[in-house]
Amino acid sequence: MKVFRLISLIEGISLLVLLFIAMPLKYQFGISEAVWYAGITHGMLFLTYMVMSLVTSHQQQWPVIKWLLIFLAGIVPLGFVAVDKKLKKELASAA
């Protein structure tokens, strides 16, 4: 679960970089390459997040609704903060 938590944080940060750095660079300054690089990186990280969320849900025996909420939180900007908080709480209770 620690690996999934790390991937969640990295994926969430990549979404913020895409939305708040690369997109303004493209539309305000005409630097479209920033969106391409940030978009490819975020896409790969999101696919990794998707697979790891499924693997972690099976390992932890999460109900489908919990997995679905955690998965959907990866789509929402700053949703990774809620996921991190939830996973941190679960890790603390398991220890």
PDB file of N, CA and C in Angstrom:
ATOM      1  N   MET A   1       0.826  -1.192   0.000  1.00  0.00           N
ATOM      2  CA  MET A   1       0.000   0.000   0.000  1.00  0.00           C
ATOM      3  C   MET A   1       0.873   1.259   0.000  1.00  0.00           C
ATOM      4  N   LYS A   2       2.087   1.140   0.511  1.00  0.00           N
ATOM      5  CA  LYS A   2       2.986   2.302   0.514  1.00  0.00           C
ATOM      6  C   LYS A   2       3.349   2.726  -0.906  1.00  0.00           C
ATOM      7  N   VAL A   3       3.540   1.738  -1.782  1.00  0.00           N
ATOM      8  CA  VAL A   3       3.874   2.042  -3.176  1.00  0.00           C
ATOM      9  C   VAL A   3       2.701   2.747  -3.853  1.00  0.00           C
ATOM     10  N   PHE A   4       1.490   2.263  -3.606  1.00  0.00           N
ATOM     11  CA  PHE A   4       0.310   2.902  -4.192  1.00  0.00           C
ATOM     12  C   PHE A   4       0.156   4.325  -3.674  1.00  0.00           C
ATOM     13  N   ARG A   5       0.428   4.530  -2.411  1.00  0.00           N
ATOM     14  CA  ARG A   5       0.344   5.874  -1.841  1.00  0.00           C
ATOM     15  C   ARG A   5       1.339   6.816  -2.530  1.00  0.00           C
ATOM     16  N   LEU A   6       2.549   6.335  -2.766  1.00  0.00           N
ATOM     17  CA  LEU A   6       3.562   7.136  -3.452  1.00  0.00           C
ATOM     18  C   LEU A   6       3.142   7.438  -4.888  1.00  0.00           C
ATOM     19  N   ILE A   7       2.631   6.439  -5.585  1.00  0.00           N
ATOM     20  CA  ILE A   7       2.174   6.642  -6.962  1.00  0.00           C
ATOM     21  C   ILE A   7       1.016   7.632  -6.996  1.00  0.00           C
ATOM     22  N   SER A   8       0.127   7.548  -6.012  1.00  0.00           N
ATOM     23  CA  SER A   8      -0.998   8.472  -5.928  1.00  0.00           C
ATOM     24  C   SER A   8      -0.510   9.912  -5.791  1.00  0.00           C
ATOM     25  N   LEU A   9       0.471  10.123  -4.950  1.00  0.00           N
ATOM     26  CA  LEU A   9       1.016  11.473  -4.767  1.00  0.00           C
ATOM     27  C   LEU A   9       1.687  11.987  -6.041  1.00  0.00           C
ATOM     28  N   ILE A  10       2.483  11.152  -6.664  1.00  0.00           N
ATOM     29  CA  ILE A  10       3.187  11.570  -7.883  1.00  0.00           C
ATOM     30  C   ILE A  10       2.192  11.852  -9.011  1.00  0.00           C
ATOM     31  N   GLU A  11       1.186  10.995  -9.149  1.00  0.00           N
ATOM     32  CA  GLU A  11       0.175  11.191 -10.194  1.00  0.00           C
ATOM     33  C   GLU A  11      -0.617  12.468  -9.946  1.00  0.00           C
ATOM     34  N   GLY A  12      -0.969  12.727  -8.700  1.00  0.00           N
ATOM     35  CA  GLY A  12      -1.709  13.942  -8.371  1.00  0.00           C
ATOM     36  C   GLY A  12      -0.913  15.200  -8.661  1.00  0.00           C
ATOM     37  N   ILE A  13       0.363  15.156  -8.345  1.00  0.00           N
ATOM     38  CA  ILE A  13       1.232  16.303  -8.618  1.00  0.00           C
ATOM     39  C   ILE A  13       1.379  16.503 -10.126  1.00  0.00           C
ATOM     40  N   SER A  14       1.452  15.396 -10.875  1.00  0.00           N
ATOM     41  CA  SER A  14       1.574  15.531 -12.331  1.00  0.00           C
ATOM     42  C   SER A  14       0.308  16.159 -12.929  1.00  0.00           C
ATOM     43  N   LEU A  15      -0.855  15.857 -12.362  1.00  0.00           N
ATOM     44  CA  LEU A  15      -2.091  16.487 -12.824  1.00  0.00           C
ATOM     45  C   LEU A  15      -2.066  17.991 -12.547  1.00  0.00           C
ATOM     46  N   LEU A  16      -1.586  18.364 -11.372  1.00  0.00           N
ATOM     47  CA  LEU A  16      -1.489  19.791 -11.045  1.00  0.00           C
ATOM     48  C   LEU A  16      -0.510  20.510 -11.958  1.00  0.00           C
ATOM     49  N   VAL A  17       0.608  19.857 -12.258  1.00  0.00           N
ATOM     50  CA  VAL A  17       1.586  20.445 -13.185  1.00  0.00           C
ATOM     51  C   VAL A  17       0.953  20.632 -14.560  1.00  0.00           C
ATOM     52  N   LEU A  18       0.221  19.635 -15.012  1.00  0.00           N
ATOM     53  CA  LEU A  18      -0.433  19.730 -16.312  1.00  0.00           C
ATOM     54  C   LEU A  18      -1.447  20.874 -16.350  1.00  0.00           C
ATOM     55  N   LEU A  19      -2.278  20.960 -15.317  1.00  0.00           N
ATOM     56  CA  LEU A  19      -3.337  21.963 -15.307  1.00  0.00           C
ATOM     57  C   LEU A  19      -2.858  23.375 -15.018  1.00  0.00           C
ATOM     58  N   PHE A  20      -1.919  23.515 -14.091  1.00  0.00           N
ATOM     59  CA  PHE A  20      -1.569  24.848 -13.612  1.00  0.00           C
ATOM     60  C   PHE A  20      -0.220  25.379 -14.086  1.00  0.00           C
ATOM     61  N   ILE A  21       0.549  24.544 -14.768  1.00  0.00           N
ATOM     62  CA  ILE A  21       1.817  25.027 -15.326  1.00  0.00           C
ATOM     63  C   ILE A  21       1.815  24.863 -16.851  1.00  0.00           C
ATOM     64  N   ALA A  22       1.591  23.623 -17.312  1.00  0.00           N
ATOM     65  CA  ALA A  22       1.687  23.365 -18.753  1.00  0.00           C
ATOM     66  C   ALA A  22       0.579  24.044 -19.550  1.00  0.00           C
ATOM     67  N   MET A  23      -0.653  23.980 -19.060  1.00  0.00           N
ATOM     68  CA  MET A  23      -1.759  24.606 -19.795  1.00  0.00           C
ATOM     69  C   MET A  23      -1.597  26.122 -19.892  1.00  0.00           C
ATOM     70  N   PRO A  24      -1.259  26.824 -18.792  1.00  0.00           N
ATOM     71  CA  PRO A  24      -1.017  28.265 -18.944  1.00  0.00           C
ATOM     72  C   PRO A  24       0.165  28.579 -19.877  1.00  0.00           C
ATOM     73  N   LEU A  25       1.210  27.728 -19.844  1.00  0.00           N
ATOM     74  CA  LEU A  25       2.320  27.952 -20.765  1.00  0.00           C
ATOM     75  C   LEU A  25       1.848  27.862 -22.215  1.00  0.00           C
ATOM     76  N   LYS A  26       0.943  26.936 -22.482  1.00  0.00           N
ATOM     77  CA  LYS A  26       0.442  26.784 -23.848  1.00  0.00           C
ATOM     78  C   LYS A  26      -0.457  27.945 -24.247  1.00  0.00           C
ATOM     79  N   TYR A  27      -1.427  28.253 -23.406  1.00  0.00           N
ATOM     80  CA  TYR A  27      -2.443  29.223 -23.820  1.00  0.00           C
ATOM     81  C   TYR A  27      -2.075  30.678 -23.546  1.00  0.00           C
ATOM     82  N   GLN A  28      -1.164  30.925 -22.642  1.00  0.00           N
ATOM     83  CA  GLN A  28      -0.750  32.302 -22.372  1.00  0.00           C
ATOM     84  C   GLN A  28       0.518  32.684 -23.134  1.00  0.00           C
ATOM     85  N   PHE A  29       1.418  31.706 -23.297  1.00  0.00           N
ATOM     86  CA  PHE A  29       2.721  32.023 -23.875  1.00  0.00           C
ATOM     87  C   PHE A  29       3.017  31.279 -25.176  1.00  0.00           C
ATOM     88  N   GLY A  30       2.104  30.429 -25.609  1.00  0.00           N
ATOM     89  CA  GLY A  30       2.284  29.727 -26.875  1.00  0.00           C
ATOM     90  C   GLY A  30       3.307  28.611 -26.854  1.00  0.00           C
ATOM     91  N   ILE A  31       3.642  28.104 -25.695  1.00  0.00           N
ATOM     92  CA  ILE A  31       4.627  27.019 -25.585  1.00  0.00           C
ATOM     93  C   ILE A  31       3.850  25.696 -25.496  1.00  0.00           C
ATOM     94  N   SER A  32       3.493  25.145 -26.636  1.00  0.00           N
ATOM     95  CA  SER A  32       2.642  23.959 -26.644  1.00  0.00           C
ATOM     96  C   SER A  32       3.379  22.675 -26.267  1.00  0.00           C
ATOM     97  N   GLU A  33       4.707  22.679 -26.342  1.00  0.00           N
ATOM     98  CA  GLU A  33       5.475  21.478 -25.995  1.00  0.00           C
ATOM     99  C   GLU A  33       5.303  21.096 -24.531  1.00  0.00           C
ATOM    100  N   ALA A  34       5.069  22.075 -23.682  1.00  0.00           N
ATOM    101  CA  ALA A  34       4.907  21.793 -22.254  1.00  0.00           C
ATOM    102  C   ALA A  34       3.714  20.885 -22.006  1.00  0.00           C
ATOM    103  N   VAL A  35       2.622  21.097 -22.731  1.00  0.00           N
ATOM    104  CA  VAL A  35       1.431  20.260 -22.574  1.00  0.00           C
ATOM    105  C   VAL A  35       1.709  18.854 -23.077  1.00  0.00           C
ATOM    106  N   TRP A  36       2.449  18.750 -24.159  1.00  0.00           N
ATOM    107  CA  TRP A  36       2.747  17.427 -24.700  1.00  0.00           C
ATOM    108  C   TRP A  36       3.541  16.608 -23.693  1.00  0.00           C
ATOM    109  N   TYR A  37       4.625  17.165 -23.173  1.00  0.00           N
ATOM    110  CA  TYR A  37       5.464  16.425 -22.229  1.00  0.00           C
ATOM    111  C   TYR A  37       4.727  16.149 -20.916  1.00  0.00           C
ATOM    112  N   ALA A  38       4.066  17.145 -20.376  1.00  0.00           N
ATOM    113  CA  ALA A  38       3.331  16.951 -19.129  1.00  0.00           C
ATOM    114  C   ALA A  38       2.158  15.995 -19.342  1.00  0.00           C
ATOM    115  N   GLY A  39       1.523  16.068 -20.490  1.00  0.00           N
ATOM    116  CA  GLY A  39       0.390  15.191 -20.784  1.00  0.00           C
ATOM    117  C   GLY A  39       0.800  13.733 -20.915  1.00  0.00           C
ATOM    118  N   ILE A  40       1.882  13.483 -21.616  1.00  0.00           N
ATOM    119  CA  ILE A  40       2.383  12.109 -21.755  1.00  0.00           C
ATOM    120  C   ILE A  40       2.782  11.559 -20.389  1.00  0.00           C
ATOM    121  N   THR A  41       3.497  12.356 -19.616  1.00  0.00           N
ATOM    122  CA  THR A  41       3.924  11.922 -18.288  1.00  0.00           C
ATOM    123  C   THR A  41       2.727  11.637 -17.404  1.00  0.00           C
ATOM    124  N   HIS A  42       1.779  12.548 -17.385  1.00  0.00           N
ATOM    125  CA  HIS A  42       0.585  12.352 -16.567  1.00  0.00           C
ATOM    126  C   HIS A  42      -0.214  11.133 -17.036  1.00  0.00           C
ATOM    127  N   GLY A  43      -0.311  10.942 -18.327  1.00  0.00           N
ATOM    128  CA  GLY A  43      -1.042   9.784 -18.855  1.00  0.00           C
ATOM    129  C   GLY A  43      -0.439   8.469 -18.408  1.00  0.00           C
ATOM    130  N   MET A  44       0.873   8.370 -18.478  1.00  0.00           N
ATOM    131  CA  MET A  44       1.554   7.152 -18.030  1.00  0.00           C
ATOM    132  C   MET A  44       1.365   6.948 -16.534  1.00  0.00           C
ATOM    133  N   LEU A  45       1.489   8.031 -15.786  1.00  0.00           N
ATOM    134  CA  LEU A  45       1.303   7.924 -14.331  1.00  0.00           C
ATOM    135  C   LEU A  45      -0.137   7.579 -13.977  1.00  0.00           C
ATOM    136  N   PHE A  46      -1.109   8.107 -14.736  1.00  0.00           N
ATOM    137  CA  PHE A  46      -2.500   7.785 -14.459  1.00  0.00           C
ATOM    138  C   PHE A  46      -2.791   6.315 -14.746  1.00  0.00           C
ATOM    139  N   LEU A  47      -2.233   5.784 -15.825  1.00  0.00           N
ATOM    140  CA  LEU A  47      -2.407   4.359 -16.102  1.00  0.00           C
ATOM    141  C   LEU A  47      -1.800   3.509 -14.993  1.00  0.00           C
ATOM    142  N   THR A  48      -0.634   3.919 -14.508  1.00  0.00           N
ATOM    143  CA  THR A  48      -0.008   3.219 -13.391  1.00  0.00           C
ATOM    144  C   THR A  48      -0.879   3.309 -12.142  1.00  0.00           C
ATOM    145  N   TYR A  49      -1.437   4.490 -11.887  1.00  0.00           N
ATOM    146  CA  TYR A  49      -2.335   4.686 -10.752  1.00  0.00           C
ATOM    147  C   TYR A  49      -3.552   3.777 -10.866  1.00  0.00           C
ATOM    148  N   MET A  50      -4.107   3.678 -12.065  1.00  0.00           N
ATOM    149  CA  MET A  50      -5.282   2.849 -12.291  1.00  0.00           C
ATOM    150  C   MET A  50      -4.984   1.385 -11.983  1.00  0.00           C
ATOM    151  N   VAL A  51      -3.892   0.874 -12.519  1.00  0.00           N
ATOM    152  CA  VAL A  51      -3.528  -0.525 -12.297  1.00  0.00           C
ATOM    153  C   VAL A  51      -3.199  -0.771 -10.825  1.00  0.00           C
ATOM    154  N   MET A  52      -2.421   0.126 -10.238  1.00  0.00           N
ATOM    155  CA  MET A  52      -2.035  -0.059  -8.834  1.00  0.00           C
ATOM    156  C   MET A  52      -3.222   0.064  -7.893  1.00  0.00           C
ATOM    157  N   SER A  53      -4.198   0.896  -8.231  1.00  0.00           N
ATOM    158  CA  SER A  53      -5.388   0.979  -7.383  1.00  0.00           C
ATOM    159  C   SER A  53      -6.159  -0.333  -7.408  1.00  0.00           C
ATOM    160  N   LEU A  54      -6.213  -0.957  -8.563  1.00  0.00           N
ATOM    161  CA  LEU A  54      -6.891  -2.244  -8.672  1.00  0.00           C
ATOM    162  C   LEU A  54      -6.132  -3.339  -7.918  1.00  0.00           C
ATOM    163  N   VAL A  55      -4.816  -3.364  -8.084  1.00  0.00           N
ATOM    164  CA  VAL A  55      -3.997  -4.355  -7.375  1.00  0.00           C
ATOM    165  C   VAL A  55      -4.113  -4.170  -5.864  1.00  0.00           C
ATOM    166  N   THR A  56      -4.008  -2.928  -5.408  1.00  0.00           N
ATOM    167  CA  THR A  56      -4.102  -2.645  -3.979  1.00  0.00           C
ATOM    168  C   THR A  56      -5.479  -2.984  -3.438  1.00  0.00           C
ATOM    169  N   SER A  57      -6.511  -2.728  -4.225  1.00  0.00           N
ATOM    170  CA  SER A  57      -7.862  -3.038  -3.754  1.00  0.00           C
ATOM    171  C   SER A  57      -8.048  -4.540  -3.562  1.00  0.00           C
ATOM    172  N   HIS A  58      -7.436  -5.335  -4.417  1.00  0.00           N
ATOM    173  CA  HIS A  58      -7.516  -6.783  -4.254  1.00  0.00           C
ATOM    174  C   HIS A  58      -6.690  -7.251  -3.058  1.00  0.00           C
ATOM    175  N   GLN A  59      -5.517  -6.677  -2.878  1.00  0.00           N
ATOM    176  CA  GLN A  59      -4.675  -7.054  -1.744  1.00  0.00           C
ATOM    177  C   GLN A  59      -5.329  -6.690  -0.414  1.00  0.00           C
ATOM    178  N   GLN A  60      -5.944  -5.522  -0.349  1.00  0.00           N
ATOM    179  CA  GLN A  60      -6.540  -5.040   0.889  1.00  0.00           C
ATOM    180  C   GLN A  60      -7.998  -5.480   1.040  1.00  0.00           C
ATOM    181  N   GLN A  61      -8.536  -6.141   0.033  1.00  0.00           N
ATOM    182  CA  GLN A  61      -9.919  -6.613   0.009  1.00  0.00           C
ATOM    183  C   GLN A  61     -10.915  -5.470   0.244  1.00  0.00           C
ATOM    184  N   TRP A  62     -10.716  -4.399  -0.526  1.00  0.00           N
ATOM    185  CA  TRP A  62     -11.621  -3.263  -0.447  1.00  0.00           C
ATOM    186  C   TRP A  62     -12.930  -3.598  -1.142  1.00  0.00           C
ATOM    187  N   PRO A  63     -14.035  -3.049  -0.662  1.00  0.00           N
ATOM    188  CA  PRO A  63     -15.279  -3.175  -1.423  1.00  0.00           C
ATOM    189  C   PRO A  63     -15.153  -2.398  -2.741  1.00  0.00           C
ATOM    190  N   VAL A  64     -15.945  -2.773  -3.715  1.00  0.00           N
ATOM    191  CA  VAL A  64     -15.868  -2.149  -5.038  1.00  0.00           C
ATOM    192  C   VAL A  64     -16.132  -0.645  -4.948  1.00  0.00           C
ATOM    193  N   ILE A  65     -17.062  -0.232  -4.108  1.00  0.00           N
ATOM    194  CA  ILE A  65     -17.387   1.198  -4.001  1.00  0.00           C
ATOM    195  C   ILE A  65     -16.195   1.998  -3.473  1.00  0.00           C
ATOM    196  N   LYS A  66     -15.441   1.415  -2.550  1.00  0.00           N
ATOM    197  CA  LYS A  66     -14.253   2.109  -2.025  1.00  0.00           C
ATOM    198  C   LYS A  66     -13.203   2.252  -3.116  1.00  0.00           C
ATOM    199  N   TRP A  67     -12.987   1.167  -3.871  1.00  0.00           N
ATOM    200  CA  TRP A  67     -12.034   1.247  -4.972  1.00  0.00           C
ATOM    201  C   TRP A  67     -12.477   2.293  -5.990  1.00  0.00           C
ATOM    202  N   LEU A  68     -13.755   2.302  -6.313  1.00  0.00           N
ATOM    203  CA  LEU A  68     -14.271   3.247  -7.293  1.00  0.00           C
ATOM    204  C   LEU A  68     -14.079   4.695  -6.832  1.00  0.00           C
ATOM    205  N   LEU A  69     -14.322   4.963  -5.565  1.00  0.00           N
ATOM    206  CA  LEU A  69     -14.127   6.321  -5.039  1.00  0.00           C
ATOM    207  C   LEU A  69     -12.660   6.725  -5.077  1.00  0.00           C
ATOM    208  N   ILE A  70     -11.781   5.801  -4.720  1.00  0.00           N
ATOM    209  CA  ILE A  70     -10.343   6.101  -4.763  1.00  0.00           C
ATOM    210  C   ILE A  70      -9.886   6.296  -6.204  1.00  0.00           C
ATOM    211  N   PHE A  71     -10.410   5.493  -7.109  1.00  0.00           N
ATOM    212  CA  PHE A  71     -10.072   5.645  -8.520  1.00  0.00           C
ATOM    213  C   PHE A  71     -10.541   6.993  -9.054  1.00  0.00           C
ATOM    214  N   LEU A  72     -11.773   7.364  -8.748  1.00  0.00           N
ATOM    215  CA  LEU A  72     -12.315   8.636  -9.227  1.00  0.00           C
ATOM    216  C   LEU A  72     -11.615   9.837  -8.603  1.00  0.00           C
ATOM    217  N   ALA A  73     -11.086   9.669  -7.395  1.00  0.00           N
ATOM    218  CA  ALA A  73     -10.335  10.758  -6.766  1.00  0.00           C
ATOM    219  C   ALA A  73      -9.065  11.075  -7.547  1.00  0.00           C
ATOM    220  N   GLY A  74      -8.563  10.114  -8.309  1.00  0.00           N
ATOM    221  CA  GLY A  74      -7.391  10.353  -9.146  1.00  0.00           C
ATOM    222  C   GLY A  74      -7.674  11.258 -10.331  1.00  0.00           C
ATOM    223  N   ILE A  75      -8.936  11.437 -10.652  1.00  0.00           N
ATOM    224  CA  ILE A  75      -9.323  12.284 -11.780  1.00  0.00           C
ATOM    225  C   ILE A  75      -9.495  13.736 -11.341  1.00  0.00           C
ATOM    226  N   VAL A  76      -9.871  13.924 -10.089  1.00  0.00           N
ATOM    227  CA  VAL A  76     -10.165  15.251  -9.549  1.00  0.00           C
ATOM    228  C   VAL A  76      -8.872  15.927  -9.094  1.00  0.00           C
ATOM    229  N   PRO A  77      -8.640  17.170  -9.498  1.00  0.00           N
ATOM    230  CA  PRO A  77      -7.474  17.877  -8.968  1.00  0.00           C
ATOM    231  C   PRO A  77      -7.553  17.957  -7.442  1.00  0.00           C
ATOM    232  N   LEU A  78      -6.482  17.683  -6.784  1.00  0.00           N
ATOM    233  CA  LEU A  78      -6.346  17.627  -5.325  1.00  0.00           C
ATOM    234  C   LEU A  78      -7.107  16.459  -4.700  1.00  0.00           C
ATOM    235  N   GLY A  79      -7.644  15.573  -5.513  1.00  0.00           N
ATOM    236  CA  GLY A  79      -8.273  14.365  -4.986  1.00  0.00           C
ATOM    237  C   GLY A  79      -7.242  13.437  -4.362  1.00  0.00           C
ATOM    238  N   PHE A  80      -6.008  13.534  -4.845  1.00  0.00           N
ATOM    239  CA  PHE A  80      -4.949  12.696  -4.303  1.00  0.00           C
ATOM    240  C   PHE A  80      -4.671  13.007  -2.839  1.00  0.00           C
ATOM    241  N   VAL A  81      -4.995  14.211  -2.398  1.00  0.00           N
ATOM    242  CA  VAL A  81      -4.799  14.572  -0.987  1.00  0.00           C
ATOM    243  C   VAL A  81      -5.737  13.747  -0.115  1.00  0.00           C
ATOM    244  N   ALA A  82      -6.980  13.603  -0.533  1.00  0.00           N
ATOM    245  CA  ALA A  82      -7.950  12.799   0.217  1.00  0.00           C
ATOM    246  C   ALA A  82      -7.547  11.328   0.212  1.00  0.00           C
ATOM    247  N   VAL A  83      -7.065  10.845  -0.925  1.00  0.00           N
ATOM    248  CA  VAL A  83      -6.623   9.450  -1.012  1.00  0.00           C
ATOM    249  C   VAL A  83      -5.437   9.226  -0.088  1.00  0.00           C
ATOM    250  N   ASP A  84      -4.490  10.143  -0.105  1.00  0.00           N
ATOM    251  CA  ASP A  84      -3.313  10.014   0.757  1.00  0.00           C
ATOM    252  C   ASP A  84      -3.715   9.999   2.232  1.00  0.00           C
ATOM    253  N   LYS A  85      -4.629  10.855   2.590  1.00  0.00           N
ATOM    254  CA  LYS A  85      -5.089  10.914   3.982  1.00  0.00           C
ATOM    255  C   LYS A  85      -5.740   9.588   4.384  1.00  0.00           C
ATOM    256  N   LYS A  86      -6.563   9.039   3.504  1.00  0.00           N
ATOM    257  CA  LYS A  86      -7.248   7.771   3.770  1.00  0.00           C
ATOM    258  C   LYS A  86      -6.249   6.628   3.889  1.00  0.00           C
ATOM    259  N   LEU A  87      -5.296   6.563   2.974  1.00  0.00           N
ATOM    260  CA  LEU A  87      -4.308   5.491   2.999  1.00  0.00           C
ATOM    261  C   LEU A  87      -3.379   5.611   4.200  1.00  0.00           C
ATOM    262  N   LYS A  88      -3.025   6.822   4.554  1.00  0.00           N
ATOM    263  CA  LYS A  88      -2.177   7.048   5.720  1.00  0.00           C
ATOM    264  C   LYS A  88      -2.881   6.571   6.987  1.00  0.00           C
ATOM    265  N   LYS A  89      -4.168   6.840   7.078  1.00  0.00           N
ATOM    266  CA  LYS A  89      -4.967   6.410   8.223  1.00  0.00           C
ATOM    267  C   LYS A  89      -5.047   4.882   8.283  1.00  0.00           C
ATOM    268  N   GLU A  90      -5.235   4.251   7.141  1.00  0.00           N
ATOM    269  CA  GLU A  90      -5.284   2.786   7.100  1.00  0.00           C
ATOM    270  C   GLU A  90      -3.943   2.157   7.477  1.00  0.00           C
ATOM    271  N   LEU A  91      -2.847   2.736   7.005  1.00  0.00           N
ATOM    272  CA  LEU A  91      -1.528   2.225   7.353  1.00  0.00           C
ATOM    273  C   LEU A  91      -1.265   2.363   8.858  1.00  0.00           C
ATOM    274  N   ALA A  92      -1.698   3.474   9.446  1.00  0.00           N
ATOM    275  CA  ALA A  92      -1.487   3.684  10.870  1.00  0.00           C
ATOM    276  C   ALA A  92      -2.315   2.693  11.698  1.00  0.00           C
ATOM    277  N   SER A  93      -3.531   2.418  11.262  1.00  0.00           N
ATOM    278  CA  SER A  93      -4.379   1.498  12.014  1.00  0.00           C
ATOM    279  C   SER A  93      -3.913   0.053  11.875  1.00  0.00           C
ATOM    280  N   ALA A  94      -3.272  -0.274  10.732  1.00  0.00           N
ATOM    281  CA  ALA A  94      -2.775  -1.629  10.514  1.00  0.00           C
ATOM    282  C   ALA A  94      -1.488  -1.898  11.307  1.00  0.00           C
ATOM    283  N   ALA A  95      -0.775  -0.833  11.637  1.00  0.00           N
ATOM    284  CA  ALA A  95       0.521  -1.011  12.336  1.00  0.00           C
ATOM    285  C   ALA A  95       0.374  -1.150  13.823  1.00  0.00           C
TER     286      ALA A  95
END
